[in-house]
Amino acid sequence: MADIEKAKKAVAEFLKKTLGVREVKVIKASKAGESWEAEAEVYEESSFIKALGLPTRVQDRNVYVVRLNNALTVECYGLKGLVAQEER
């Protein structure tokens, strides 16, 4: 059985690799039955500014929800608002 620190580490490593970012801050983690759910704060290049082709270092703060099974394998992830809407 995994503990909360291992779950937080798994979330941070997954998002760093998947999103190509250097820093991930896990701001919430909880056990939900046989799985884990975490929220992580990530600063990414502004997709709007990038689409305009403007050279800037503007970054957007995004919060991702990540769900892990008990073996700490990612089952799903997405932006916080979007993951909640899809499940309704």
PDB file of N, CA and C in Angstrom:
ATOM      1  N   MET A   1       0.839  -1.185   0.000  1.00  0.00           N
ATOM      2  CA  MET A   1       0.000   0.000   0.000  1.00  0.00           C
ATOM      3  C   MET A   1       0.886   1.251   0.000  1.00  0.00           C
ATOM      4  N   ALA A   2       0.568   2.173  -0.839  1.00  0.00           N
ATOM      5  CA  ALA A   2       1.354   3.403  -0.982  1.00  0.00           C
ATOM      6  C   ALA A   2       0.944   4.434   0.067  1.00  0.00           C
ATOM      7  N   ASP A   3       1.917   5.261   0.465  1.00  0.00           N
ATOM      8  CA  ASP A   3       1.582   6.336   1.391  1.00  0.00           C
ATOM      9  C   ASP A   3       1.448   7.654   0.627  1.00  0.00           C
ATOM     10  N   ILE A   4       1.027   8.684   1.331  1.00  0.00           N
ATOM     11  CA  ILE A   4       0.722   9.963   0.691  1.00  0.00           C
ATOM     12  C   ILE A   4       1.957  10.612   0.064  1.00  0.00           C
ATOM     13  N   GLU A   5       3.116  10.473   0.694  1.00  0.00           N
ATOM     14  CA  GLU A   5       4.333  11.070   0.139  1.00  0.00           C
ATOM     15  C   GLU A   5       4.712  10.425  -1.193  1.00  0.00           C
ATOM     16  N   LYS A   6       4.547   9.111  -1.289  1.00  0.00           N
ATOM     17  CA  LYS A   6       4.837   8.414  -2.550  1.00  0.00           C
ATOM     18  C   LYS A   6       3.839   8.830  -3.629  1.00  0.00           C
ATOM     19  N   ALA A   7       2.589   9.009  -3.240  1.00  0.00           N
ATOM     20  CA  ALA A   7       1.573   9.444  -4.202  1.00  0.00           C
ATOM     21  C   ALA A   7       1.887  10.843  -4.720  1.00  0.00           C
ATOM     22  N   LYS A   8       2.264  11.758  -3.821  1.00  0.00           N
ATOM     23  CA  LYS A   8       2.616  13.122  -4.234  1.00  0.00           C
ATOM     24  C   LYS A   8       3.819  13.115  -5.173  1.00  0.00           C
ATOM     25  N   LYS A   9       4.808  12.299  -4.868  1.00  0.00           N
ATOM     26  CA  LYS A   9       6.003  12.207  -5.712  1.00  0.00           C
ATOM     27  C   LYS A   9       5.648  11.659  -7.097  1.00  0.00           C
ATOM     28  N   ALA A  10       4.785  10.644  -7.137  1.00  0.00           N
ATOM     29  CA  ALA A  10       4.369  10.062  -8.417  1.00  0.00           C
ATOM     30  C   ALA A  10       3.633  11.092  -9.272  1.00  0.00           C
ATOM     31  N   VAL A  11       2.787  11.898  -8.645  1.00  0.00           N
ATOM     32  CA  VAL A  11       2.047  12.943  -9.364  1.00  0.00           C
ATOM     33  C   VAL A  11       3.011  13.977  -9.934  1.00  0.00           C
ATOM     34  N   ALA A  12       3.935  14.454  -9.111  1.00  0.00           N
ATOM     35  CA  ALA A  12       4.889  15.474  -9.555  1.00  0.00           C
ATOM     36  C   ALA A  12       5.750  14.962 -10.705  1.00  0.00           C
ATOM     37  N   GLU A  13       6.264  13.748 -10.585  1.00  0.00           N
ATOM     38  CA  GLU A  13       7.102  13.182 -11.646  1.00  0.00           C
ATOM     39  C   GLU A  13       6.314  13.009 -12.939  1.00  0.00           C
ATOM     40  N   PHE A  14       5.077  12.534 -12.834  1.00  0.00           N
ATOM     41  CA  PHE A  14       4.245  12.341 -14.021  1.00  0.00           C
ATOM     42  C   PHE A  14       3.999  13.659 -14.747  1.00  0.00           C
ATOM     43  N   LEU A  15       3.603  14.690 -14.006  1.00  0.00           N
ATOM     44  CA  LEU A  15       3.299  15.973 -14.646  1.00  0.00           C
ATOM     45  C   LEU A  15       4.549  16.634 -15.217  1.00  0.00           C
ATOM     46  N   LYS A  16       5.674  16.533 -14.534  1.00  0.00           N
ATOM     47  CA  LYS A  16       6.919  17.097 -15.066  1.00  0.00           C
ATOM     48  C   LYS A  16       7.248  16.461 -16.412  1.00  0.00           C
ATOM     49  N   LYS A  17       7.139  15.151 -16.473  1.00  0.00           N
ATOM     50  CA  LYS A  17       7.463  14.424 -17.708  1.00  0.00           C
ATOM     51  C   LYS A  17       6.431  14.700 -18.806  1.00  0.00           C
ATOM     52  N   THR A  18       5.166  14.643 -18.461  1.00  0.00           N
ATOM     53  CA  THR A  18       4.093  14.779 -19.442  1.00  0.00           C
ATOM     54  C   THR A  18       3.968  16.196 -19.990  1.00  0.00           C
ATOM     55  N   LEU A  19       4.069  17.180 -19.108  1.00  0.00           N
ATOM     56  CA  LEU A  19       3.872  18.576 -19.515  1.00  0.00           C
ATOM     57  C   LEU A  19       5.172  19.280 -19.877  1.00  0.00           C
ATOM     58  N   GLY A  20       6.297  18.672 -19.559  1.00  0.00           N
ATOM     59  CA  GLY A  20       7.586  19.289 -19.868  1.00  0.00           C
ATOM     60  C   GLY A  20       7.868  20.527 -19.032  1.00  0.00           C
ATOM     61  N   VAL A  21       7.472  20.491 -17.771  1.00  0.00           N
ATOM     62  CA  VAL A  21       7.713  21.621 -16.870  1.00  0.00           C
ATOM     63  C   VAL A  21       8.752  21.225 -15.825  1.00  0.00           C
ATOM     64  N   ARG A  22       9.356  22.250 -15.220  1.00  0.00           N
ATOM     65  CA  ARG A  22      10.397  21.986 -14.224  1.00  0.00           C
ATOM     66  C   ARG A  22       9.848  21.840 -12.813  1.00  0.00           C
ATOM     67  N   GLU A  23       8.800  22.594 -12.518  1.00  0.00           N
ATOM     68  CA  GLU A  23       8.277  22.583 -11.153  1.00  0.00           C
ATOM     69  C   GLU A  23       6.799  22.221 -11.118  1.00  0.00           C
ATOM     70  N   VAL A  24       6.476  21.399 -10.164  1.00  0.00           N
ATOM     71  CA  VAL A  24       5.092  21.008  -9.906  1.00  0.00           C
ATOM     72  C   VAL A  24       4.907  21.066  -8.396  1.00  0.00           C
ATOM     73  N   LYS A  25       3.850  21.727  -7.961  1.00  0.00           N
ATOM     74  CA  LYS A  25       3.564  21.816  -6.528  1.00  0.00           C
ATOM     75  C   LYS A  25       2.245  21.099  -6.253  1.00  0.00           C
ATOM     76  N   VAL A  26       2.321  19.987  -5.548  1.00  0.00           N
ATOM     77  CA  VAL A  26       1.111  19.256  -5.187  1.00  0.00           C
ATOM     78  C   VAL A  26       0.445  20.018  -4.045  1.00  0.00           C
ATOM     79  N   ILE A  27      -0.771  20.494  -4.295  1.00  0.00           N
ATOM     80  CA  ILE A  27      -1.456  21.326  -3.302  1.00  0.00           C
ATOM     81  C   ILE A  27      -2.557  20.572  -2.554  1.00  0.00           C
ATOM     82  N   LYS A  28      -2.876  19.360  -3.024  1.00  0.00           N
ATOM     83  CA  LYS A  28      -3.885  18.553  -2.340  1.00  0.00           C
ATOM     84  C   LYS A  28      -3.676  17.102  -2.734  1.00  0.00           C
ATOM     85  N   ALA A  29      -3.785  16.214  -1.770  1.00  0.00           N
ATOM     86  CA  ALA A  29      -3.704  14.781  -2.050  1.00  0.00           C
ATOM     87  C   ALA A  29      -4.570  14.058  -1.033  1.00  0.00           C
ATOM     88  N   SER A  30      -5.356  13.111  -1.520  1.00  0.00           N
ATOM     89  CA  SER A  30      -6.212  12.365  -0.601  1.00  0.00           C
ATOM     90  C   SER A  30      -6.456  10.958  -1.126  1.00  0.00           C
ATOM     91  N   LYS A  31      -6.687  10.077  -0.191  1.00  0.00           N
ATOM     92  CA  LYS A  31      -7.002   8.690  -0.505  1.00  0.00           C
ATOM     93  C   LYS A  31      -8.502   8.613  -0.737  1.00  0.00           C
ATOM     94  N   ALA A  32      -8.895   7.999  -1.837  1.00  0.00           N
ATOM     95  CA  ALA A  32     -10.316   7.854  -2.163  1.00  0.00           C
ATOM     96  C   ALA A  32     -10.593   6.378  -2.437  1.00  0.00           C
ATOM     97  N   GLY A  33     -10.931   5.644  -1.400  1.00  0.00           N
ATOM     98  CA  GLY A  33     -11.145   4.206  -1.557  1.00  0.00           C
ATOM     99  C   GLY A  33      -9.832   3.505  -1.835  1.00  0.00           C
ATOM    100  N   GLU A  34      -9.736   2.864  -2.980  1.00  0.00           N
ATOM    101  CA  GLU A  34      -8.514   2.159  -3.371  1.00  0.00           C
ATOM    102  C   GLU A  34      -7.649   2.979  -4.313  1.00  0.00           C
ATOM    103  N   SER A  35      -7.913   4.268  -4.418  1.00  0.00           N
ATOM    104  CA  SER A  35      -7.130   5.113  -5.324  1.00  0.00           C
ATOM    105  C   SER A  35      -6.743   6.413  -4.626  1.00  0.00           C
ATOM    106  N   TRP A  36      -5.952   7.212  -5.316  1.00  0.00           N
ATOM    107  CA  TRP A  36      -5.503   8.512  -4.827  1.00  0.00           C
ATOM    108  C   TRP A  36      -5.985   9.588  -5.776  1.00  0.00           C
ATOM    109  N   GLU A  37      -6.312  10.748  -5.233  1.00  0.00           N
ATOM    110  CA  GLU A  37      -6.636  11.905  -6.060  1.00  0.00           C
ATOM    111  C   GLU A  37      -5.795  13.072  -5.567  1.00  0.00           C
ATOM    112  N   ALA A  38      -5.166  13.764  -6.503  1.00  0.00           N
ATOM    113  CA  ALA A  38      -4.309  14.890  -6.140  1.00  0.00           C
ATOM    114  C   ALA A  38      -4.579  16.066  -7.061  1.00  0.00           C
ATOM    115  N   GLU A  39      -4.316  17.253  -6.526  1.00  0.00           N
ATOM    116  CA  GLU A  39      -4.357  18.476  -7.319  1.00  0.00           C
ATOM    117  C   GLU A  39      -2.964  19.071  -7.272  1.00  0.00           C
ATOM    118  N   ALA A  40      -2.497  19.523  -8.428  1.00  0.00           N
ATOM    119  CA  ALA A  40      -1.148  20.068  -8.512  1.00  0.00           C
ATOM    120  C   ALA A  40      -1.153  21.378  -9.279  1.00  0.00           C
ATOM    121  N   GLU A  41      -0.374  22.313  -8.787  1.00  0.00           N
ATOM    122  CA  GLU A  41      -0.235  23.633  -9.399  1.00  0.00           C
ATOM    123  C   GLU A  41       0.977  23.611 -10.332  1.00  0.00           C
ATOM    124  N   VAL A  42       0.746  24.064 -11.566  1.00  0.00           N
ATOM    125  CA  VAL A  42       1.794  24.064 -12.581  1.00  0.00           C
ATOM    126  C   VAL A  42       1.771  25.408 -13.298  1.00  0.00           C
ATOM    127  N   TYR A  43       2.937  25.971 -13.516  1.00  0.00           N
ATOM    128  CA  TYR A  43       3.040  27.199 -14.309  1.00  0.00           C
ATOM    129  C   TYR A  43       3.544  26.814 -15.694  1.00  0.00           C
ATOM    130  N   GLU A  44       2.736  27.141 -16.718  1.00  0.00           N
ATOM    131  CA  GLU A  44       3.058  26.807 -18.102  1.00  0.00           C
ATOM    132  C   GLU A  44       3.052  28.070 -18.949  1.00  0.00           C
ATOM    133  N   GLU A  45       3.731  27.996 -20.084  1.00  0.00           N
ATOM    134  CA  GLU A  45       3.698  29.124 -21.019  1.00  0.00           C
ATOM    135  C   GLU A  45       2.253  29.430 -21.372  1.00  0.00           C
ATOM    136  N   SER A  46       1.937  30.690 -21.493  1.00  0.00           N
ATOM    137  CA  SER A  46       0.584  31.091 -21.852  1.00  0.00           C
ATOM    138  C   SER A  46       0.269  30.612 -23.268  1.00  0.00           C
ATOM    139  N   SER A  47      -0.725  29.750 -23.399  1.00  0.00           N
ATOM    140  CA  SER A  47      -1.081  29.234 -24.723  1.00  0.00           C
ATOM    141  C   SER A  47      -1.637  30.344 -25.608  1.00  0.00           C
ATOM    142  N   PHE A  48      -2.306  31.322 -25.011  1.00  0.00           N
ATOM    143  CA  PHE A  48      -2.852  32.441 -25.776  1.00  0.00           C
ATOM    144  C   PHE A  48      -1.727  33.285 -26.368  1.00  0.00           C
ATOM    145  N   ILE A  49      -0.766  33.663 -25.546  1.00  0.00           N
ATOM    146  CA  ILE A  49       0.365  34.473 -26.008  1.00  0.00           C
ATOM    147  C   ILE A  49       1.183  33.693 -27.035  1.00  0.00           C
ATOM    148  N   LYS A  50       1.369  32.402 -26.777  1.00  0.00           N
ATOM    149  CA  LYS A  50       2.131  31.546 -27.693  1.00  0.00           C
ATOM    150  C   LYS A  50       1.436  31.469 -29.059  1.00  0.00           C
ATOM    151  N   ALA A  51       0.088  31.360 -29.055  1.00  0.00           N
ATOM    152  CA  ALA A  51      -0.677  31.283 -30.301  1.00  0.00           C
ATOM    153  C   ALA A  51      -0.552  32.567 -31.115  1.00  0.00           C
ATOM    154  N   LEU A  52      -0.395  33.687 -30.429  1.00  0.00           N
ATOM    155  CA  LEU A  52      -0.214  34.964 -31.122  1.00  0.00           C
ATOM    156  C   LEU A  52       1.200  35.128 -31.675  1.00  0.00           C
ATOM    157  N   GLY A  53       2.093  34.244 -31.245  1.00  0.00           N
ATOM    158  CA  GLY A  53       3.468  34.310 -31.722  1.00  0.00           C
ATOM    159  C   GLY A  53       4.287  35.412 -31.076  1.00  0.00           C
ATOM    160  N   LEU A  54       3.843  35.866 -29.925  1.00  0.00           N
ATOM    161  CA  LEU A  54       4.556  36.941 -29.239  1.00  0.00           C
ATOM    162  C   LEU A  54       5.640  36.372 -28.324  1.00  0.00           C
ATOM    163  N   PRO A  55       6.827  36.955 -28.381  1.00  0.00           N
ATOM    164  CA  PRO A  55       7.901  36.485 -27.500  1.00  0.00           C
ATOM    165  C   PRO A  55       7.726  37.075 -26.095  1.00  0.00           C
ATOM    166  N   THR A  56       7.371  36.249 -25.154  1.00  0.00           N
ATOM    167  CA  THR A  56       7.184  36.715 -23.783  1.00  0.00           C
ATOM    168  C   THR A  56       7.380  35.563 -22.813  1.00  0.00           C
ATOM    169  N   ARG A  57       7.589  35.903 -21.586  1.00  0.00           N
ATOM    170  CA  ARG A  57       7.750  34.876 -20.558  1.00  0.00           C
ATOM    171  C   ARG A  57       6.498  34.770 -19.684  1.00  0.00           C
ATOM    172  N   VAL A  58       5.381  35.217 -20.201  1.00  0.00           N
ATOM    173  CA  VAL A  58       4.126  35.146 -19.457  1.00  0.00           C
ATOM    174  C   VAL A  58       3.761  33.679 -19.249  1.00  0.00           C
ATOM    175  N   GLN A  59       3.399  33.354 -18.014  1.00  0.00           N
ATOM    176  CA  GLN A  59       3.009  31.984 -17.708  1.00  0.00           C
ATOM    177  C   GLN A  59       1.631  31.968 -17.062  1.00  0.00           C
ATOM    178  N   ASP A  60       0.895  30.924 -17.368  1.00  0.00           N
ATOM    179  CA  ASP A  60      -0.423  30.723 -16.778  1.00  0.00           C
ATOM    180  C   ASP A  60      -0.301  29.744 -15.617  1.00  0.00           C
ATOM    181  N   ARG A  61      -1.053  30.012 -14.560  1.00  0.00           N
ATOM    182  CA  ARG A  61      -1.122  29.077 -13.436  1.00  0.00           C
ATOM    183  C   ARG A  61      -2.269  28.121 -13.731  1.00  0.00           C
ATOM    184  N   ASN A  62      -1.958  26.857 -13.824  1.00  0.00           N
ATOM    185  CA  ASN A  62      -2.969  25.842 -14.065  1.00  0.00           C
ATOM    186  C   ASN A  62      -2.965  24.845 -12.918  1.00  0.00           C
ATOM    187  N   VAL A  63      -4.142  24.366 -12.576  1.00  0.00           N
ATOM    188  CA  VAL A  63      -4.267  23.334 -11.556  1.00  0.00           C
ATOM    189  C   VAL A  63      -4.761  22.068 -12.246  1.00  0.00           C
ATOM    190  N   TYR A  64      -4.001  20.997 -12.084  1.00  0.00           N
ATOM    191  CA  TYR A  64      -4.338  19.706 -12.673  1.00  0.00           C
ATOM    192  C   TYR A  64      -4.839  18.755 -11.600  1.00  0.00           C
ATOM    193  N   VAL A  65      -5.802  17.928 -11.982  1.00  0.00           N
ATOM    194  CA  VAL A  65      -6.277  16.845 -11.128  1.00  0.00           C
ATOM    195  C   VAL A  65      -5.673  15.568 -11.688  1.00  0.00           C
ATOM    196  N   VAL A  66      -5.093  14.765 -10.808  1.00  0.00           N
ATOM    197  CA  VAL A  66      -4.482  13.502 -11.221  1.00  0.00           C
ATOM    198  C   VAL A  66      -5.052  12.399 -10.338  1.00  0.00           C
ATOM    199  N   ARG A  67      -5.506  11.316 -10.968  1.00  0.00           N
ATOM    200  CA  ARG A  67      -5.997  10.163 -10.215  1.00  0.00           C
ATOM    201  C   ARG A  67      -5.045   8.993 -10.427  1.00  0.00           C
ATOM    202  N   LEU A  68      -4.665   8.395  -9.320  1.00  0.00           N
ATOM    203  CA  LEU A  68      -3.751   7.251  -9.338  1.00  0.00           C
ATOM    204  C   LEU A  68      -4.458   6.041  -8.739  1.00  0.00           C
ATOM    205  N   ASN A  69      -4.103   4.850  -9.236  1.00  0.00           N
ATOM    206  CA  ASN A  69      -4.617   3.657  -8.569  1.00  0.00           C
ATOM    207  C   ASN A  69      -3.729   3.357  -7.364  1.00  0.00           C
ATOM    208  N   ASN A  70      -4.014   2.301  -6.644  1.00  0.00           N
ATOM    209  CA  ASN A  70      -3.264   1.989  -5.425  1.00  0.00           C
ATOM    210  C   ASN A  70      -1.803   1.640  -5.713  1.00  0.00           C
ATOM    211  N   ALA A  71      -1.495   1.241  -6.958  1.00  0.00           N
ATOM    212  CA  ALA A  71      -0.116   0.945  -7.356  1.00  0.00           C
ATOM    213  C   ALA A  71       0.594   2.202  -7.854  1.00  0.00           C
ATOM    214  N   LEU A  72      -0.047   3.356  -7.720  1.00  0.00           N
ATOM    215  CA  LEU A  72       0.481   4.669  -8.122  1.00  0.00           C
ATOM    216  C   LEU A  72       0.661   4.816  -9.629  1.00  0.00           C
ATOM    217  N   THR A  73      -0.181   4.139 -10.384  1.00  0.00           N
ATOM    218  CA  THR A  73      -0.223   4.301 -11.831  1.00  0.00           C
ATOM    219  C   THR A  73      -1.302   5.332 -12.146  1.00  0.00           C
ATOM    220  N   VAL A  74      -0.986   6.282 -13.016  1.00  0.00           N
ATOM    221  CA  VAL A  74      -1.948   7.332 -13.359  1.00  0.00           C
ATOM    222  C   VAL A  74      -3.103   6.728 -14.152  1.00  0.00           C
ATOM    223  N   GLU A  75      -4.310   6.964 -13.691  1.00  0.00           N
ATOM    224  CA  GLU A  75      -5.510   6.493 -14.381  1.00  0.00           C
ATOM    225  C   GLU A  75      -6.129   7.586 -15.233  1.00  0.00           C
ATOM    226  N   CYS A  76      -6.050   8.838 -14.771  1.00  0.00           N
ATOM    227  CA  CYS A  76      -6.513   9.963 -15.571  1.00  0.00           C
ATOM    228  C   CYS A  76      -5.946  11.250 -15.002  1.00  0.00           C
ATOM    229  N   TYR A  77      -5.902  12.264 -15.863  1.00  0.00           N
ATOM    230  CA  TYR A  77      -5.463  13.582 -15.419  1.00  0.00           C
ATOM    231  C   TYR A  77      -6.041  14.620 -16.354  1.00  0.00           C
ATOM    232  N   GLY A  78      -6.087  15.842 -15.891  1.00  0.00           N
ATOM    233  CA  GLY A  78      -6.569  16.938 -16.721  1.00  0.00           C
ATOM    234  C   GLY A  78      -6.657  18.212 -15.909  1.00  0.00           C
ATOM    235  N   LEU A  79      -6.957  19.304 -16.591  1.00  0.00           N
ATOM    236  CA  LEU A  79      -7.143  20.572 -15.896  1.00  0.00           C
ATOM    237  C   LEU A  79      -8.318  20.449 -14.938  1.00  0.00           C
ATOM    238  N   LYS A  80      -8.201  21.049 -13.794  1.00  0.00           N
ATOM    239  CA  LYS A  80      -9.188  20.878 -12.725  1.00  0.00           C
ATOM    240  C   LYS A  80     -10.621  21.111 -13.185  1.00  0.00           C
ATOM    241  N   GLY A  81     -10.923  22.205 -13.816  1.00  0.00           N
ATOM    242  CA  GLY A  81     -12.284  22.488 -14.246  1.00  0.00           C
ATOM    243  C   GLY A  81     -12.794  21.536 -15.304  1.00  0.00           C
ATOM    244  N   LEU A  82     -11.934  21.084 -16.183  1.00  0.00           N
ATOM    245  CA  LEU A  82     -12.347  20.216 -17.281  1.00  0.00           C
ATOM    246  C   LEU A  82     -12.605  18.790 -16.835  1.00  0.00           C
ATOM    247  N   VAL A  83     -11.804  18.271 -15.928  1.00  0.00           N
ATOM    248  CA  VAL A  83     -12.002  16.904 -15.448  1.00  0.00           C
ATOM    249  C   VAL A  83     -13.329  16.798 -14.723  1.00  0.00           C
ATOM    250  N   ALA A  84     -13.662  17.765 -13.900  1.00  0.00           N
ATOM    251  CA  ALA A  84     -14.921  17.749 -13.152  1.00  0.00           C
ATOM    252  C   ALA A  84     -16.125  17.819 -14.089  1.00  0.00           C
ATOM    253  N   GLN A  85     -16.045  18.608 -15.166  1.00  0.00           N
ATOM    254  CA  GLN A  85     -17.159  18.752 -16.103  1.00  0.00           C
ATOM    255  C   GLN A  85     -17.405  17.468 -16.878  1.00  0.00           C
ATOM    256  N   GLU A  86     -16.344  16.762 -17.250  1.00  0.00           N
ATOM    257  CA  GLU A  86     -16.490  15.546 -18.044  1.00  0.00           C
ATOM    258  C   GLU A  86     -17.163  14.427 -17.268  1.00  0.00           C
ATOM    259  N   GLU A  87     -17.040  14.442 -15.949  1.00  0.00           N
ATOM    260  CA  GLU A  87     -17.594  13.362 -15.147  1.00  0.00           C
ATOM    261  C   GLU A  87     -19.076  13.537 -14.852  1.00  0.00           C
ATOM    262  N   ARG A  88     -19.633  14.681 -15.149  1.00  0.00           N
ATOM    263  CA  ARG A  88     -21.058  14.926 -14.866  1.00  0.00           C
ATOM    264  C   ARG A  88     -21.938  14.246 -15.857  1.00  0.00           C
TER     265      ARG A  88
END
